[in-house]
Amino acid sequence: MKKLRIVGIYFVLAGLVVLSLGTVVLTKAQAGLDSLDAVYEKQGLSLSYDENGNFVDRGSIDSGNAILSLLTDDWKYPLNRKNLDPNDPLVNTPDELMVQYAIISYHVMHGVHKVVLAEDVEYNGEIFAAGEYEVHVDGRYWGDFDRKHPLYGQIREKAWSPTAHGLLAEISAGVDADYQAGFAHFIGLVLMGFGVMFMLGGVGFFWVGKEK
């Protein structure tokens, strides 16, 4: 029937439009992923592994496990450990970026900083004598410090320095960009698939209409 043939033509045209749109989205997404890979290559940041393929931090398996625990247990990040490949230590996936994020955060929160009091200071009924102190960050985040405390108030800026904040912000942006490019890549493939389906359906309608 003529109507079926017309419907078939519309389906084919719609399929071409959707296929073209999917191709554009896929091309743009792939360009974004390629650009991210180029950035990762230039940065040359790598994770460390021992001879048995275990993730380590500064040569320590225990420290490496503590970092992964921070990421997966404390932050509930769904880490795919298959992306931690000792044969490809370059940091170039969202999972590896998040491990790097955890590395920086772990060392910030477990650092030790010197504080010098020029004179005795009283705070909340406790006397802090003049002198030099080694103060542990003790797992504190930026917002966990008592800024009025004579010791912790000073190490807050030393531990969570502008450099630390900047590095973490840069990694967060990288993770977000990687996920967005990956999602766009997926959407492009889906659109192309729908485009092909519309075109095949249109051909089918046209063929049936022709037969009748």
C-alpha atoms as a PDB file:
ATOM      1  CA  MET A   1       0.000   0.000   0.000  1.00  0.00           C
ATOM      2  CA  LYS A   2       1.073   3.513  -0.766  1.00  0.00           C
ATOM      3  CA  LYS A   3       0.578   4.651   2.849  1.00  0.00           C
ATOM      4  CA  LEU A   4       2.960   1.993   4.153  1.00  0.00           C
ATOM      5  CA  ARG A   5       5.565   3.054   1.626  1.00  0.00           C
ATOM      6  CA  ILE A   6       5.197   6.687   2.748  1.00  0.00           C
ATOM      7  CA  VAL A   7       5.534   5.616   6.395  1.00  0.00           C
ATOM      8  CA  GLY A   8       8.598   3.621   5.428  1.00  0.00           C
ATOM      9  CA  ILE A   9      10.181   6.653   3.776  1.00  0.00           C
ATOM     10  CA  TYR A  10       9.507   8.755   6.888  1.00  0.00           C
ATOM     11  CA  PHE A  11      11.062   6.082   9.084  1.00  0.00           C
ATOM     12  CA  VAL A  12      14.156   5.928   6.878  1.00  0.00           C
ATOM     13  CA  LEU A  13      14.521   9.720   6.933  1.00  0.00           C
ATOM     14  CA  ALA A  14      14.018   9.801  10.708  1.00  0.00           C
ATOM     15  CA  GLY A  15      16.587   7.052  11.055  1.00  0.00           C
ATOM     16  CA  LEU A  16      19.084   9.032   8.991  1.00  0.00           C
ATOM     17  CA  VAL A  17      18.557  12.090  11.204  1.00  0.00           C
ATOM     18  CA  VAL A  18      18.955  10.109  14.434  1.00  0.00           C
ATOM     19  CA  LEU A  19      21.958   8.231  13.032  1.00  0.00           C
ATOM     20  CA  SER A  20      23.596  11.508  12.016  1.00  0.00           C
ATOM     21  CA  LEU A  21      22.928  13.008  15.442  1.00  0.00           C
ATOM     22  CA  GLY A  22      24.388   9.941  17.134  1.00  0.00           C
ATOM     23  CA  THR A  23      27.461  10.129  14.913  1.00  0.00           C
ATOM     24  CA  VAL A  24      28.036  13.769  15.856  1.00  0.00           C
ATOM     25  CA  VAL A  25      27.623  13.047  19.580  1.00  0.00           C
ATOM     26  CA  LEU A  26      29.901  10.013  19.361  1.00  0.00           C
ATOM     27  CA  THR A  27      32.562  11.956  17.458  1.00  0.00           C
ATOM     28  CA  LYS A  28      32.532  14.807  19.978  1.00  0.00           C
ATOM     29  CA  ALA A  29      32.629  12.395  22.912  1.00  0.00           C
ATOM     30  CA  GLN A  30      35.517  10.447  21.419  1.00  0.00           C
ATOM     31  CA  ALA A  31      37.414  13.687  20.835  1.00  0.00           C
ATOM     32  CA  GLY A  32      36.905  14.543  24.502  1.00  0.00           C
ATOM     33  CA  LEU A  33      38.143  11.135  25.627  1.00  0.00           C
ATOM     34  CA  ASP A  34      41.167  11.392  23.326  1.00  0.00           C
ATOM     35  CA  SER A  35      41.957  14.822  24.753  1.00  0.00           C
ATOM     36  CA  LEU A  36      41.740  13.487  28.306  1.00  0.00           C
ATOM     37  CA  ASP A  37      44.068  10.612  27.389  1.00  0.00           C
ATOM     38  CA  ALA A  38      46.554  13.118  25.968  1.00  0.00           C
ATOM     39  CA  VAL A  39      46.441  15.120  29.204  1.00  0.00           C
ATOM     40  CA  TYR A  40      47.004  11.973  31.278  1.00  0.00           C
ATOM     41  CA  GLU A  41      49.956  11.003  29.075  1.00  0.00           C
ATOM     42  CA  LYS A  42      51.562  14.428  29.482  1.00  0.00           C
ATOM     43  CA  GLN A  43      51.030  14.470  33.236  1.00  0.00           C
ATOM     44  CA  GLY A  44      52.608  11.028  33.507  1.00  0.00           C
ATOM     45  CA  LEU A  45      51.080  10.356  36.919  1.00  0.00           C
ATOM     46  CA  SER A  46      51.311   6.689  37.910  1.00  0.00           C
ATOM     47  CA  LEU A  47      50.168   4.488  40.760  1.00  0.00           C
ATOM     48  CA  SER A  48      52.666   2.193  42.494  1.00  0.00           C
ATOM     49  CA  TYR A  49      52.549  -1.589  42.725  1.00  0.00           C
ATOM     50  CA  ASP A  50      54.843  -4.210  44.222  1.00  0.00           C
ATOM     51  CA  GLU A  51      56.253  -7.232  42.393  1.00  0.00           C
ATOM     52  CA  ASN A  52      53.093  -9.192  43.222  1.00  0.00           C
ATOM     53  CA  GLY A  53      50.791  -6.600  41.699  1.00  0.00           C
ATOM     54  CA  ASN A  54      49.560  -5.188  45.019  1.00  0.00           C
ATOM     55  CA  PHE A  55      48.808  -1.482  45.169  1.00  0.00           C
ATOM     56  CA  VAL A  56      51.327   0.203  47.459  1.00  0.00           C
ATOM     57  CA  ASP A  57      51.906   3.693  48.756  1.00  0.00           C
ATOM     58  CA  ARG A  58      55.508   4.733  49.284  1.00  0.00           C
ATOM     59  CA  GLY A  59      56.428   1.056  49.155  1.00  0.00           C
ATOM     60  CA  SER A  60      53.957   0.011  51.854  1.00  0.00           C
ATOM     61  CA  ILE A  61      51.109  -2.432  51.233  1.00  0.00           C
ATOM     62  CA  ASP A  62      49.497  -1.459  54.555  1.00  0.00           C
ATOM     63  CA  SER A  63      49.468   2.194  53.565  1.00  0.00           C
ATOM     64  CA  GLY A  64      48.061   1.265  50.164  1.00  0.00           C
ATOM     65  CA  ASN A  65      45.301  -0.780  51.790  1.00  0.00           C
ATOM     66  CA  ALA A  66      44.499   2.084  54.157  1.00  0.00           C
ATOM     67  CA  ILE A  67      44.099   4.421  51.190  1.00  0.00           C
ATOM     68  CA  LEU A  68      41.826   1.989  49.368  1.00  0.00           C
ATOM     69  CA  SER A  69      39.841   1.533  52.589  1.00  0.00           C
ATOM     70  CA  LEU A  70      39.375   5.299  52.833  1.00  0.00           C
ATOM     71  CA  LEU A  71      38.071   5.306  49.282  1.00  0.00           C
ATOM     72  CA  THR A  72      35.791   2.268  49.409  1.00  0.00           C
ATOM     73  CA  ASP A  73      34.780   2.000  53.082  1.00  0.00           C
ATOM     74  CA  ASP A  74      34.686   5.610  54.273  1.00  0.00           C
ATOM     75  CA  TRP A  75      33.616   7.272  51.033  1.00  0.00           C
ATOM     76  CA  LYS A  76      31.633   4.286  49.684  1.00  0.00           C
ATOM     77  CA  TYR A  77      33.165   4.681  46.230  1.00  0.00           C
ATOM     78  CA  PRO A  78      32.372   1.656  43.981  1.00  0.00           C
ATOM     79  CA  LEU A  79      35.970   0.989  42.973  1.00  0.00           C
ATOM     80  CA  ASN A  80      36.502  -1.466  40.135  1.00  0.00           C
ATOM     81  CA  ARG A  81      39.831  -2.993  41.121  1.00  0.00           C
ATOM     82  CA  LYS A  82      40.319  -4.332  37.606  1.00  0.00           C
ATOM     83  CA  ASN A  83      41.204  -0.768  36.656  1.00  0.00           C
ATOM     84  CA  LEU A  84      44.159  -0.915  39.060  1.00  0.00           C
ATOM     85  CA  ASP A  85      46.455  -2.628  36.585  1.00  0.00           C
ATOM     86  CA  PRO A  86      50.131  -3.011  37.570  1.00  0.00           C
ATOM     87  CA  ASN A  87      50.925  -3.476  33.870  1.00  0.00           C
ATOM     88  CA  ASP A  88      49.370  -0.088  33.115  1.00  0.00           C
ATOM     89  CA  PRO A  89      50.088   2.127  36.137  1.00  0.00           C
ATOM     90  CA  LEU A  90      49.338   5.386  34.315  1.00  0.00           C
ATOM     91  CA  VAL A  91      46.483   7.243  36.001  1.00  0.00           C
ATOM     92  CA  ASN A  92      43.974   7.563  33.154  1.00  0.00           C
ATOM     93  CA  THR A  93      40.613   6.184  34.371  1.00  0.00           C
ATOM     94  CA  PRO A  94      38.052   7.606  36.825  1.00  0.00           C
ATOM     95  CA  ASP A  95      38.865   4.794  39.276  1.00  0.00           C
ATOM     96  CA  GLU A  96      42.592   5.564  39.189  1.00  0.00           C
ATOM     97  CA  LEU A  97      41.867   9.271  39.523  1.00  0.00           C
ATOM     98  CA  MET A  98      39.779   8.576  42.615  1.00  0.00           C
ATOM     99  CA  VAL A  99      42.598   6.479  44.069  1.00  0.00           C
ATOM    100  CA  GLN A 100      44.923   9.442  43.501  1.00  0.00           C
ATOM    101  CA  TYR A 101      42.341  11.670  45.199  1.00  0.00           C
ATOM    102  CA  ALA A 102      42.352   9.295  48.165  1.00  0.00           C
ATOM    103  CA  ILE A 103      46.172   9.241  48.261  1.00  0.00           C
ATOM    104  CA  ILE A 104      46.367  13.016  48.602  1.00  0.00           C
ATOM    105  CA  SER A 105      43.552  13.154  51.152  1.00  0.00           C
ATOM    106  CA  TYR A 106      45.034  10.310  53.203  1.00  0.00           C
ATOM    107  CA  HIS A 107      48.420  11.979  53.518  1.00  0.00           C
ATOM    108  CA  VAL A 108      46.859  15.336  54.321  1.00  0.00           C
ATOM    109  CA  MET A 109      44.748  13.782  57.079  1.00  0.00           C
ATOM    110  CA  HIS A 110      47.650  11.799  58.528  1.00  0.00           C
ATOM    111  CA  GLY A 111      50.273  14.513  58.423  1.00  0.00           C
ATOM    112  CA  VAL A 112      52.216  16.037  61.301  1.00  0.00           C
ATOM    113  CA  HIS A 113      52.932  19.767  61.509  1.00  0.00           C
ATOM    114  CA  LYS A 114      55.012  21.947  63.789  1.00  0.00           C
ATOM    115  CA  VAL A 115      53.372  24.768  65.691  1.00  0.00           C
ATOM    116  CA  VAL A 116      55.298  27.343  67.703  1.00  0.00           C
ATOM    117  CA  LEU A 117      53.643  29.298  70.507  1.00  0.00           C
ATOM    118  CA  ALA A 118      55.525  32.455  71.387  1.00  0.00           C
ATOM    119  CA  GLU A 119      53.834  32.652  74.766  1.00  0.00           C
ATOM    120  CA  ASP A 120      51.564  30.655  77.037  1.00  0.00           C
ATOM    121  CA  VAL A 121      48.004  30.383  75.751  1.00  0.00           C
ATOM    122  CA  GLU A 122      44.905  29.488  77.755  1.00  0.00           C
ATOM    123  CA  TYR A 123      42.026  27.858  75.907  1.00  0.00           C
ATOM    124  CA  ASN A 124      38.927  26.321  77.459  1.00  0.00           C
ATOM    125  CA  GLY A 125      40.632  26.080  80.824  1.00  0.00           C
ATOM    126  CA  GLU A 126      43.758  24.378  79.422  1.00  0.00           C
ATOM    127  CA  ILE A 127      47.161  26.059  79.403  1.00  0.00           C
ATOM    128  CA  PHE A 128      49.391  25.590  76.365  1.00  0.00           C
ATOM    129  CA  ALA A 129      52.911  26.547  77.336  1.00  0.00           C
ATOM    130  CA  ALA A 130      55.095  28.540  74.992  1.00  0.00           C
ATOM    131  CA  GLY A 131      57.265  26.348  72.802  1.00  0.00           C
ATOM    132  CA  GLU A 132      57.262  24.044  69.790  1.00  0.00           C
ATOM    133  CA  TYR A 133      54.641  21.331  69.270  1.00  0.00           C
ATOM    134  CA  GLU A 134      54.276  18.519  66.765  1.00  0.00           C
ATOM    135  CA  VAL A 135      50.576  18.322  66.037  1.00  0.00           C
ATOM    136  CA  HIS A 136      48.920  15.405  64.253  1.00  0.00           C
ATOM    137  CA  VAL A 137      46.093  16.124  61.837  1.00  0.00           C
ATOM    138  CA  ASP A 138      44.556  12.892  63.125  1.00  0.00           C
ATOM    139  CA  GLY A 139      42.172  12.250  60.246  1.00  0.00           C
ATOM    140  CA  ARG A 140      40.554  15.676  60.324  1.00  0.00           C
ATOM    141  CA  TYR A 141      38.908  17.169  57.277  1.00  0.00           C
ATOM    142  CA  TRP A 142      38.960  20.911  56.595  1.00  0.00           C
ATOM    143  CA  GLY A 143      35.728  21.497  58.486  1.00  0.00           C
ATOM    144  CA  ASP A 144      36.681  19.362  61.485  1.00  0.00           C
ATOM    145  CA  PHE A 145      39.206  21.779  62.975  1.00  0.00           C
ATOM    146  CA  ASP A 146      38.513  24.115  65.871  1.00  0.00           C
ATOM    147  CA  ARG A 147      39.862  27.316  64.344  1.00  0.00           C
ATOM    148  CA  LYS A 148      40.162  28.999  67.756  1.00  0.00           C
ATOM    149  CA  HIS A 149      42.323  26.228  69.187  1.00  0.00           C
ATOM    150  CA  PRO A 150      45.921  27.474  69.633  1.00  0.00           C
ATOM    151  CA  LEU A 151      47.362  24.355  67.959  1.00  0.00           C
ATOM    152  CA  TYR A 152      44.718  22.912  65.647  1.00  0.00           C
ATOM    153  CA  GLY A 153      43.679  26.340  64.469  1.00  0.00           C
ATOM    154  CA  GLN A 154      47.165  26.822  63.034  1.00  0.00           C
ATOM    155  CA  ILE A 155      47.666  23.448  61.373  1.00  0.00           C
ATOM    156  CA  ARG A 156      44.329  23.648  59.572  1.00  0.00           C
ATOM    157  CA  GLU A 157      45.843  25.920  56.919  1.00  0.00           C
ATOM    158  CA  LYS A 158      49.085  23.936  56.846  1.00  0.00           C
ATOM    159  CA  ALA A 159      47.428  20.571  56.347  1.00  0.00           C
ATOM    160  CA  TRP A 160      44.649  21.590  53.976  1.00  0.00           C
ATOM    161  CA  SER A 161      46.819  23.994  52.049  1.00  0.00           C
ATOM    162  CA  PRO A 162      45.833  25.773  48.822  1.00  0.00           C
ATOM    163  CA  THR A 163      48.027  23.264  46.984  1.00  0.00           C
ATOM    164  CA  ALA A 164      46.120  20.314  48.449  1.00  0.00           C
ATOM    165  CA  HIS A 165      42.772  21.931  47.680  1.00  0.00           C
ATOM    166  CA  GLY A 166      43.922  22.763  44.153  1.00  0.00           C
ATOM    167  CA  LEU A 167      45.116  19.231  43.412  1.00  0.00           C
ATOM    168  CA  LEU A 168      41.901  17.696  44.708  1.00  0.00           C
ATOM    169  CA  ALA A 169      39.803  20.152  42.703  1.00  0.00           C
ATOM    170  CA  GLU A 170      41.793  19.317  39.565  1.00  0.00           C
ATOM    171  CA  ILE A 171      41.288  15.587  40.081  1.00  0.00           C
ATOM    172  CA  SER A 172      37.568  16.080  40.746  1.00  0.00           C
ATOM    173  CA  ALA A 173      37.274  17.992  37.485  1.00  0.00           C
ATOM    174  CA  GLY A 174      39.093  15.179  35.682  1.00  0.00           C
ATOM    175  CA  VAL A 175      36.768  12.530  37.102  1.00  0.00           C
ATOM    176  CA  ASP A 176      33.713  14.579  36.181  1.00  0.00           C
ATOM    177  CA  ALA A 177      34.989  15.227  32.644  1.00  0.00           C
ATOM    178  CA  ASP A 178      35.813  11.548  32.160  1.00  0.00           C
ATOM    179  CA  TYR A 179      32.365  10.417  33.286  1.00  0.00           C
ATOM    180  CA  GLN A 180      30.611  13.030  31.144  1.00  0.00           C
ATOM    181  CA  ALA A 181      32.621  12.106  28.048  1.00  0.00           C
ATOM    182  CA  GLY A 182      31.986   8.413  28.683  1.00  0.00           C
ATOM    183  CA  PHE A 183      28.255   9.017  29.116  1.00  0.00           C
ATOM    184  CA  ALA A 184      28.133  11.097  25.942  1.00  0.00           C
ATOM    185  CA  HIS A 185      29.960   8.286  24.139  1.00  0.00           C
ATOM    186  CA  PHE A 186      27.291   5.845  25.329  1.00  0.00           C
ATOM    187  CA  ILE A 187      24.448   8.171  24.285  1.00  0.00           C
ATOM    188  CA  GLY A 188      26.016   8.530  20.849  1.00  0.00           C
ATOM    189  CA  LEU A 189      26.091   4.760  20.405  1.00  0.00           C
ATOM    190  CA  VAL A 190      22.477   4.459  21.582  1.00  0.00           C
ATOM    191  CA  LEU A 191      21.326   7.132  19.135  1.00  0.00           C
ATOM    192  CA  MET A 192      23.167   5.455  16.291  1.00  0.00           C
ATOM    193  CA  GLY A 193      21.527   2.162  17.231  1.00  0.00           C
ATOM    194  CA  PHE A 194      18.071   3.742  17.203  1.00  0.00           C
ATOM    195  CA  GLY A 195      18.857   5.369  13.883  1.00  0.00           C
ATOM    196  CA  VAL A 196      19.732   2.030  12.327  1.00  0.00           C
ATOM    197  CA  MET A 197      16.564   0.471  13.803  1.00  0.00           C
ATOM    198  CA  PHE A 198      14.396   3.250  12.354  1.00  0.00           C
ATOM    199  CA  MET A 199      16.023   2.847   8.965  1.00  0.00           C
ATOM    200  CA  LEU A 200      15.574  -0.924   8.941  1.00  0.00           C
ATOM    201  CA  GLY A 201      11.971  -0.508  10.071  1.00  0.00           C
ATOM    202  CA  GLY A 202      11.400   2.020   7.310  1.00  0.00           C
ATOM    203  CA  VAL A 203      12.846  -0.322   4.711  1.00  0.00           C
ATOM    204  CA  GLY A 204      10.554  -3.042   6.045  1.00  0.00           C
ATOM    205  CA  PHE A 205       7.459  -0.828   5.804  1.00  0.00           C
ATOM    206  CA  PHE A 206       8.428   0.256   2.312  1.00  0.00           C
ATOM    207  CA  TRP A 207       8.969  -3.336   1.195  1.00  0.00           C
ATOM    208  CA  VAL A 208       5.652  -4.534   2.626  1.00  0.00           C
ATOM    209  CA  GLY A 209       3.841  -1.616   0.997  1.00  0.00           C
ATOM    210  CA  LYS A 210       5.486  -2.397  -2.303  1.00  0.00           C
ATOM    211  CA  GLU A 211       4.453  -6.043  -2.112  1.00  0.00           C
ATOM    212  CA  LYS A 212       0.820  -5.105  -1.543  1.00  0.00           C
END
